[in-house]
Protein backbone atom coordinates (compact mmCIF):
# COMPACT_ATOMS: atom_id res chain seq x y z
CA ALA A 1 -57.66 -20.05 54.47
CA GLY A 2 -54.19 -20.63 52.58
CA ALA A 3 -52.22 -20.77 55.84
CA GLY A 4 -52.55 -24.55 55.95
CA ALA A 5 -50.40 -26.06 58.77
CA LEU A 6 -49.63 -22.47 59.91
CA ALA A 7 -52.73 -21.17 60.32
CA ASP A 8 -52.36 -20.75 64.13
CA GLU A 9 -49.31 -18.92 63.53
CA TYR A 10 -50.95 -16.46 61.23
CA CYS A 11 -53.99 -16.00 63.68
CA PHE A 12 -51.48 -15.14 66.26
CA TRP A 13 -49.36 -12.83 64.35
CA LEU A 14 -52.46 -10.97 63.02
CA GLY A 15 -53.81 -10.68 66.74
CA GLU A 16 -50.24 -9.26 67.53
CA ALA A 17 -50.51 -6.77 64.57
CA ARG A 18 -54.04 -5.63 65.46
CA LEU A 19 -52.77 -5.19 68.96
CA ALA A 20 -49.79 -2.97 67.69
CA ALA A 21 -52.41 -1.08 65.48
CA THR A 22 -54.51 -0.24 68.63
CA ASN A 23 -57.50 -2.06 67.07
CA LEU A 24 -57.91 -3.63 70.55
CA VAL A 25 -61.40 -5.21 69.97
CA ALA A 26 -60.26 -7.09 66.75
CA ALA A 27 -56.94 -8.16 68.63
CA ALA A 28 -58.83 -9.50 71.54
CA ASP A 29 -61.16 -11.48 69.30
CA THR A 30 -58.28 -12.73 67.02
CA PHE A 31 -56.56 -14.05 70.11
CA THR A 32 -59.82 -15.74 71.23
CA ARG A 33 -60.19 -17.47 67.92
CA LEU A 34 -56.65 -18.89 68.07
CA ALA A 35 -58.00 -20.54 71.32
CA LYS A 36 -60.83 -21.85 70.06
CA GLU A 37 -60.02 -22.87 66.61
CA PHE A 38 -56.52 -24.23 67.67
CA PRO A 39 -56.83 -26.01 70.89
CA THR A 40 -53.35 -27.73 70.60
CA SER A 41 -51.27 -24.49 69.22
CA PRO A 42 -48.16 -23.97 70.97
CA ARG A 43 -49.34 -20.33 70.94
CA ARG A 44 -52.28 -20.73 72.93
CA ALA A 45 -50.71 -19.42 76.23
CA GLU A 46 -49.06 -16.40 74.41
CA ALA A 47 -52.62 -15.66 72.84
CA ALA A 48 -54.18 -15.77 76.12
CA TYR A 49 -51.62 -13.03 77.20
CA GLY A 50 -52.04 -11.18 74.05
CA GLU A 51 -55.89 -11.04 74.62
CA ALA A 52 -55.28 -9.99 78.14
CA ARG A 53 -53.18 -7.04 76.94
CA ALA A 54 -55.71 -6.02 74.75
CA ARG A 55 -58.41 -6.36 77.40
CA ALA A 56 -56.25 -4.29 79.86
CA LYS A 57 -55.84 -1.39 77.19
CA LEU A 58 -59.54 -1.52 77.17
CA ASP A 59 -59.79 -1.05 81.03
CA ASP A 60 -61.66 -4.95 81.18
CA TRP A 61 -59.57 -5.83 84.17
CA PRO A 62 -61.84 -8.75 85.24
CA ALA A 63 -61.56 -10.15 82.00
CA VAL A 64 -57.75 -9.95 82.33
CA VAL A 65 -57.97 -11.70 85.60
CA ALA A 66 -60.27 -14.65 84.21
CA LEU A 67 -57.77 -15.01 81.29
CA LEU A 68 -54.40 -15.09 83.45
CA ALA A 69 -55.66 -16.66 86.59
CA ALA A 70 -57.85 -19.53 85.56
CA PRO A 71 -55.96 -22.46 87.21
CA GLU A 72 -56.61 -24.94 84.32
CA GLY A 73 -56.33 -22.19 81.49
CA SER A 74 -53.49 -22.21 78.85
CA PHE A 75 -51.67 -19.26 80.48
CA ARG A 76 -51.45 -20.92 83.74
CA ALA A 77 -50.22 -24.45 82.29
CA PHE A 78 -47.50 -22.43 80.34
CA VAL A 79 -46.36 -20.71 83.61
CA ARG A 80 -45.81 -24.19 85.22
CA THR A 81 -43.38 -25.21 82.43
CA ASN A 82 -42.00 -21.60 81.12
CA ALA A 83 -41.11 -19.65 84.42
CA ALA A 84 -38.67 -17.48 82.94
CA HIS A 85 -40.00 -17.10 79.68
CA PRO A 86 -40.90 -13.10 78.94
CA ALA A 87 -44.58 -13.87 78.37
CA THR A 88 -44.77 -15.64 81.93
CA VAL A 89 -43.05 -12.68 83.58
CA ASP A 90 -45.22 -9.89 81.84
CA GLY A 91 -48.41 -11.82 82.04
CA LEU A 92 -48.05 -12.42 85.90
CA LEU A 93 -47.08 -8.93 86.28
CA LEU A 94 -50.22 -7.91 84.16
CA LEU A 95 -52.31 -10.32 86.58
CA ALA A 96 -51.12 -8.63 89.72
CA GLU A 97 -52.02 -5.27 88.25
CA ALA A 98 -55.61 -6.53 87.31
CA GLN A 99 -55.78 -7.94 90.72
CA VAL A 100 -55.20 -4.46 92.33
CA ARG A 101 -57.38 -2.69 89.94
CA THR A 102 -60.41 -5.33 90.61
CA ARG A 103 -59.92 -4.92 94.32
CA HIS A 104 -58.47 -8.20 95.11
CA PRO A 105 -55.01 -7.28 96.65
CA GLN A 106 -54.95 -10.68 98.69
CA ALA A 107 -54.07 -12.13 95.47
CA VAL A 108 -51.30 -10.16 94.41
CA ALA A 109 -48.52 -11.92 96.76
CA ALA A 110 -49.55 -15.31 95.58
CA THR A 111 -49.56 -14.25 91.93
CA LEU A 112 -46.08 -12.56 92.12
CA ALA A 113 -44.50 -15.51 94.07
CA LEU A 114 -45.28 -17.73 90.71
CA LEU A 115 -42.37 -15.60 89.34
CA GLY A 116 -39.95 -17.92 91.44
CA GLN A 117 -36.32 -16.91 91.73
CA PRO A 118 -35.28 -16.03 88.18
CA ALA A 119 -33.28 -12.50 88.10
CA LEU A 120 -35.75 -10.00 87.08
CA ALA A 121 -34.96 -7.03 84.62
CA PRO A 122 -34.88 -3.85 86.40
CA ARG A 123 -38.05 -2.49 85.31
CA ALA A 124 -40.01 -5.78 85.84
CA GLU A 125 -38.49 -5.98 89.50
CA TRP A 126 -39.93 -2.43 89.85
CA GLN A 127 -43.18 -3.62 88.83
CA ARG A 128 -43.07 -6.69 91.00
CA ARG A 129 -42.29 -4.42 93.81
CA TYR A 130 -44.85 -1.70 92.96
CA TRP A 131 -47.84 -4.05 92.83
CA LEU A 132 -47.07 -5.96 96.03
CA ALA A 133 -46.68 -2.34 97.77
CA ARG A 134 -49.83 -0.91 95.94
CA ALA A 135 -51.61 -4.51 97.13
CA ASP A 136 -50.40 -3.61 100.95
CA LEU A 137 -51.81 -0.15 100.51
CA ASP A 138 -55.15 -0.99 99.30
CA ALA A 139 -55.65 -3.87 101.83
CA ALA A 140 -55.03 -1.11 104.63
CA ARG A 141 -51.83 -2.52 105.68
CA PRO A 142 -49.65 0.73 106.12
CA GLY A 143 -46.65 -0.61 107.71
CA PRO A 144 -45.88 -3.16 104.92
CA ALA A 145 -47.04 -0.71 102.35
CA LEU A 146 -44.54 2.14 103.53
CA ALA A 147 -42.03 -0.47 103.45
CA GLY A 148 -42.67 -1.57 100.30
CA ALA A 149 -43.10 1.86 98.78
CA SER A 150 -39.42 2.42 100.14
CA ASN A 151 -38.25 -0.57 97.98
CA VAL A 152 -40.17 0.75 95.10
CA LEU A 153 -38.24 3.61 95.30
CA ALA A 154 -34.91 1.89 95.75
CA ALA A 155 -35.61 -0.22 92.82
CA ALA A 156 -36.81 3.01 90.32
CA GLU A 157 -33.42 4.51 91.52
CA ALA A 158 -31.55 1.54 90.62
CA ALA A 159 -33.25 1.44 87.25
CA ALA A 160 -32.61 5.23 86.76
CA GLN A 161 -35.95 5.58 84.75
CA PRO A 162 -37.47 9.03 85.46
CA ASP A 163 -41.10 7.48 84.86
CA LEU A 164 -40.49 4.96 87.42
CA LEU A 165 -39.19 7.67 89.94
CA ALA A 166 -42.11 9.70 89.57
CA SER A 167 -44.56 6.78 90.06
CA SER A 168 -42.52 5.60 93.17
CA ARG A 169 -42.68 8.75 94.70
CA GLU A 170 -46.38 8.97 94.00
CA LEU A 171 -46.75 5.70 95.64
CA LEU A 172 -44.82 6.79 98.70
CA ALA A 173 -46.82 9.78 99.01
CA ASP A 174 -50.00 7.83 98.93
């Protein structure tokens, strides 16, 4: 109540703190509250992404898709004007994962195309390739899936991160 003009910032950072403390339901509820109580807040898109992260950790993948894929939602509006922002990149990668997990692999390529042409960090590039290959595999497109899995392995080798190498080899085996 004492935050005044910074009430939306307070709400956003409270959600982030709850998410960091793994109080996932409270974090998701806090981010939802920000969207409802502060419809003009510049933090609305980041709050949608924060809520999506909390919902993903709760394995509520349909909610993640609903939050990040809504064409008129605050996250999509943010994506249209902030293509290189870290929340855009991370949110689109999370949406691609959610689309695979909810058995909508046909939507993954379109989602990841929204990343545009900015150079991605090695881990983000690996994730982009991974979800594209996983979508091909889940859509029963073995040729593109195999080629994609090879690209995933190459990206993991370039990133030189053991966890990515292990996941890449598992994808290639699948």
